[in-house]
Protein backbone atom coordinates (compact mmCIF):
# COMPACT_ATOMS: atom_id res chain seq x y z
CA UNK A 1 0.00 0.00 0.00
CA UNK A 2 1.37 3.35 -1.03
CA UNK A 3 2.30 5.57 1.90
CA UNK A 4 0.23 8.74 2.17
CA UNK A 5 2.39 11.76 1.54
CA UNK A 6 2.80 14.14 4.44
CA UNK A 7 1.38 17.23 2.84
CA UNK A 8 -0.72 20.00 4.28
CA UNK A 9 -3.72 18.92 2.18
CA UNK A 10 -3.47 15.27 3.30
CA UNK A 11 -3.13 16.25 6.94
CA UNK A 12 -6.32 18.33 6.74
CA UNK A 13 -8.20 15.41 5.13
CA UNK A 14 -7.02 12.94 7.79
CA UNK A 15 -7.84 15.26 10.69
CA UNK A 16 -11.27 15.98 9.21
CA UNK A 17 -12.00 12.26 8.93
CA UNK A 18 -10.85 11.66 12.51
CA UNK A 19 -13.06 14.49 13.81
CA UNK A 20 -16.05 13.22 11.83
CA UNK A 21 -15.64 9.68 13.16
CA UNK A 22 -15.16 10.89 16.74
CA UNK A 23 -18.24 13.14 16.50
CA UNK A 24 -20.29 10.26 15.16
CA UNK A 25 -19.23 7.97 17.99
CA UNK A 26 -19.96 10.62 20.64
CA UNK A 27 -23.40 11.32 19.13
CA UNK A 28 -24.20 7.62 19.10
CA UNK A 29 -23.12 7.14 22.73
CA UNK A 30 -25.03 10.25 23.83
CA UNK A 31 -28.16 9.05 22.05
CA UNK A 32 -27.94 5.65 23.74
CA UNK A 33 -27.25 6.99 27.24
CA UNK A 34 -29.46 10.11 27.35
CA UNK A 35 -32.67 8.13 27.84
CA UNK A 36 -31.42 6.11 30.85
CA UNK A 37 -29.82 9.23 32.36
CA UNK A 38 -33.09 11.17 32.06
CA UNK A 39 -34.97 8.27 33.64
CA UNK A 40 -32.53 8.16 36.58
CA UNK A 41 -32.78 11.95 37.07
CA UNK A 42 -36.57 11.79 37.01
CA UNK A 43 -36.63 8.98 39.58
CA UNK A 44 -34.22 10.88 41.83
CA UNK A 45 -36.46 13.95 41.58
CA UNK A 46 -39.60 11.97 42.41
CA UNK A 47 -37.84 10.31 45.35
CA UNK A 48 -36.72 13.75 46.50
CA UNK A 49 -40.26 15.14 46.34
CA UNK A 50 -41.59 12.27 48.43
CA UNK A 51 -38.73 12.73 50.89
CA UNK A 52 -39.27 16.46 51.46
CA UNK A 53 -43.02 15.98 51.80
CA UNK A 54 -42.58 13.08 54.21
CA UNK A 55 -44.70 10.61 52.23
CA UNK A 56 -43.13 7.87 50.10
CA UNK A 57 -46.41 7.10 48.31
CA UNK A 58 -47.65 10.54 47.32
CA UNK A 59 -48.54 10.89 43.62
CA UNK A 60 -46.24 13.25 41.70
CA UNK A 61 -48.14 15.72 39.48
CA UNK A 62 -46.88 17.61 36.45
CA UNK A 63 -45.08 20.72 37.70
CA UNK A 64 -45.98 24.35 37.28
CA UNK A 65 -43.04 25.88 35.41
CA UNK A 66 -42.14 29.49 36.07
CA UNK A 67 -40.11 31.69 33.75
CA UNK A 68 -37.07 31.64 36.04
CA UNK A 69 -36.94 27.83 35.92
CA UNK A 70 -38.65 27.23 39.26
CA UNK A 71 -40.75 24.05 39.33
CA UNK A 72 -43.76 23.73 41.66
CA UNK A 73 -45.33 20.36 42.48
CA UNK A 74 -48.67 20.73 44.28
CA UNK A 75 -49.79 17.50 45.92
CA UNK A 76 -52.38 16.40 48.47
CA UNK A 77 -49.61 16.31 51.08
CA UNK A 78 -48.28 19.80 50.44
CA UNK A 79 -46.09 21.62 47.92
CA UNK A 80 -42.59 20.74 46.73
CA UNK A 81 -40.61 23.46 44.97
CA UNK A 82 -37.38 23.18 43.01
CA UNK A 83 -35.62 26.55 43.12
CA UNK A 84 -32.20 28.17 42.86
CA UNK A 85 -30.47 31.02 44.64
CA UNK A 86 -31.95 34.09 42.85
CA UNK A 87 -28.73 36.11 43.09
CA UNK A 88 -26.78 33.39 41.25
CA UNK A 89 -29.54 32.21 38.90
CA UNK A 90 -27.91 33.83 35.85
CA UNK A 91 -24.73 31.84 36.55
CA UNK A 92 -26.48 28.46 36.72
CA UNK A 93 -27.30 28.83 40.42
CA UNK A 94 -24.88 28.07 43.21
CA UNK A 95 -27.44 25.72 44.74
CA UNK A 96 -30.55 24.00 43.42
CA UNK A 97 -32.79 23.17 46.36
CA UNK A 98 -35.97 21.08 46.57
CA UNK A 99 -38.10 22.31 49.48
CA UNK A 100 -41.30 20.75 50.82
CA UNK A 101 -44.00 22.85 52.51
CA UNK A 102 -47.30 21.91 54.12
CA UNK A 103 -50.46 23.72 52.99
CA UNK A 104 -49.80 26.56 55.45
CA UNK A 105 -46.27 27.18 54.18
CA UNK A 106 -44.40 25.50 57.03
CA UNK A 107 -41.23 23.75 55.88
CA UNK A 108 -41.54 19.95 56.00
CA UNK A 109 -38.17 19.05 54.50
CA UNK A 110 -35.58 19.85 51.87
CA UNK A 111 -32.80 18.30 49.84
CA UNK A 112 -29.96 19.67 47.70
CA UNK A 113 -30.39 18.61 44.06
CA UNK A 114 -27.35 20.37 42.62
CA UNK A 115 -24.46 22.44 43.87
CA UNK A 116 -21.76 24.53 42.25
CA UNK A 117 -20.40 25.57 45.61
CA UNK A 118 -16.93 24.85 46.98
CA UNK A 119 -16.55 21.03 47.25
CA UNK A 120 -17.86 19.86 50.61
CA UNK A 121 -19.97 22.91 51.39
CA UNK A 122 -22.92 21.69 49.32
CA UNK A 123 -22.82 18.41 51.24
CA UNK A 124 -22.83 20.34 54.53
CA UNK A 125 -25.86 22.33 53.41
CA UNK A 126 -27.70 19.06 52.76
CA UNK A 127 -27.45 18.14 56.44
CA UNK A 128 -26.83 21.36 58.40
CA UNK A 129 -30.40 22.68 58.16
CA UNK A 130 -32.18 19.37 58.76
CA UNK A 131 -34.26 18.58 61.84
CA UNK A 132 -32.17 18.13 64.97
CA UNK A 133 -29.17 19.95 63.47
CA UNK A 134 -27.78 23.28 64.59
CA UNK A 135 -29.21 25.27 61.68
CA UNK A 136 -32.58 23.45 61.57
CA UNK A 137 -35.23 25.16 59.42
CA UNK A 138 -37.81 22.35 59.59
CA UNK A 139 -41.10 23.73 60.90
CA UNK A 140 -40.19 27.32 60.07
CA UNK A 141 -42.39 29.44 57.83
CA UNK A 142 -40.79 32.15 55.64
CA UNK A 143 -43.84 34.39 56.14
CA UNK A 144 -43.45 34.25 59.92
CA UNK A 145 -39.79 33.47 60.59
CA UNK A 146 -36.92 35.58 59.33
CA UNK A 147 -35.18 33.03 57.13
CA UNK A 148 -31.75 34.58 57.20
CA UNK A 149 -28.52 33.81 59.04
CA UNK A 150 -28.15 35.26 62.53
CA UNK A 151 -25.28 37.44 61.31
CA UNK A 152 -27.86 39.24 59.13
CA UNK A 153 -30.41 39.49 61.93
CA UNK A 154 -32.17 36.26 61.02
CA UNK A 155 -33.11 33.14 62.97
CA UNK A 156 -30.90 30.52 61.31
CA UNK A 157 -27.39 29.52 62.40
CA UNK A 158 -25.04 29.56 59.41
CA UNK A 159 -22.84 26.64 58.45
CA UNK A 160 -19.57 26.99 60.36
CA UNK A 161 -17.11 29.03 58.27
CA UNK A 162 -19.55 29.13 55.36
CA UNK A 163 -21.90 32.08 55.70
CA UNK A 164 -21.97 32.63 51.92
CA UNK A 165 -23.28 29.12 51.21
CA UNK A 166 -25.81 29.47 54.03
CA UNK A 167 -27.10 32.73 52.58
CA UNK A 168 -27.40 31.17 49.12
CA UNK A 169 -29.32 28.21 50.53
CA UNK A 170 -31.76 30.40 52.46
CA UNK A 171 -32.32 32.64 49.44
CA UNK A 172 -33.28 29.54 47.44
CA UNK A 173 -35.69 28.40 50.17
CA UNK A 174 -37.27 31.85 50.43
CA UNK A 175 -37.60 31.97 46.64
CA UNK A 176 -39.35 28.57 46.76
CA UNK A 177 -41.87 29.83 49.31
CA UNK A 178 -42.47 33.02 47.33
CA UNK A 179 -43.10 30.99 44.14
CA UNK A 180 -45.56 28.62 45.82
CA UNK A 181 -47.43 30.95 48.17
CA UNK A 182 -46.93 34.43 46.75
CA UNK A 183 -45.76 37.46 48.66
CA UNK A 184 -42.57 39.39 48.14
CA UNK A 185 -39.20 38.31 49.52
CA UNK A 186 -36.12 40.53 49.40
CA UNK A 187 -33.35 38.20 48.15
CA UNK A 188 -30.73 40.35 49.82
CA UNK A 189 -32.22 40.19 53.33
CA UNK A 190 -34.50 37.15 52.97
CA UNK A 191 -37.23 39.21 54.66
CA UNK A 192 -40.82 39.01 53.47
CA UNK A 193 -42.91 42.11 52.84
CA UNK A 194 -45.02 41.25 55.91
CA UNK A 195 -41.93 41.02 58.10
CA UNK A 196 -40.69 44.40 56.85
CA UNK A 197 -44.12 45.92 57.57
CA UNK A 198 -44.12 44.46 61.09
CA UNK A 199 -40.57 45.70 61.72
CA UNK A 200 -41.50 49.17 60.44
CA UNK A 201 -44.53 49.28 62.75
CA UNK A 202 -42.37 48.23 65.69
CA UNK A 203 -39.85 50.98 64.94
CA UNK A 204 -42.63 53.60 64.80
CA UNK A 205 -43.97 52.45 68.20
CA UNK A 206 -40.48 52.51 69.70
CA UNK A 207 -39.87 56.00 68.36
């Protein structure tokens, strides 16, 4: 077999063929794996919804989809909301949180679905705010409790040495409540409009 001459033209042809073959293989593999991956992600989401609502048999409805990407699942056991930190939403969100509320807006549970935070901090957020832990938010209601870290005048203890991650997490939870139950929440302070009104009234009385 005659050896292919090492010319610029031949090199371009060979590289083009290699790229075409590699692209074809990657497309084939992606096509074969995308279905199973989507099925796994969907199952994980459904398991997460049942977990945060505290019922492993609740039926999962089609979600309400908001323009910012928030997903709201209204069930007979309460509401589960998939939300991101509003301040980082344009960057893919530092945290994607699934929060479960009862019909009155009290937090029943939560889980971290995705994190782009510093390795390890996302894992801490998944446990730090659970029931029985130092930063527990279970049972709180964003319309009644100030869902912010204590350093910002709130009621929630921040993750040790990770106030930024704690703030991002609480912003996502407040955004979830706002999406499901309405009302306005300041993403910078995590305070609801009702809380601000109450605080303003208190200041007027004190003055």
